[in-house]
Amino acid sequence: MAVLATRRARLARRSRPVVYHRLLVPLVGDCERAVELACRLAGESASSIDAVAPLEVPLELPFEVPLEEQGQLARSLVAEARAVADRYGAELRGRIVRTRHAGVAVVEEAAQRESDAIVLAAVLAGRSGERSSFGSLADHVLEHAPCRVLLLETR
């Protein structure tokens, strides 16, 4: 009888919808679908959406060096993410973060903001045996994230 009750409890937990209150979307590459998914999830549960655009500073340069071209791209990614959120009626807070490694910045942001999930768009970079690789950012986030990661494969 106890085994049956345990199975029922496990099934009940599985059938409950997962609710995310704090979502984080890294604004890298083709991230529009990730922002759209975050907006749909936020609409279902009045979640907050934070978007972070990592501005990677190469190791051979001083950390504070001006990166005008990359900065402009990051600002446009934040503006595009806000426009997508507006179409869904969602509120999105965007910010640009200077970093040496985008994956580290995303994981740190998720921890600082106590995110329930990271919604990440990534391109499948390759497959090695049983393991798939989505590139250094996605691989780092998948391995070190302090929360769930919803990964959208893009092309």
Foldseek 3Di string as FASTA:
>chain_A
DVVVVVVVVVVVVVPDDDAWAEEEEELDDPRLVLLLVVLVSCVVPVHAYEYEYEQADAPVDPQPDDDPVSVVVSVVSVVVSCVSNVVSVHDYHYDYHYDNALLVVRQVVCVVVVGQEYRYEFAFPADDVPDTDRDDNVVSCVVRHPHYYHYHHDD
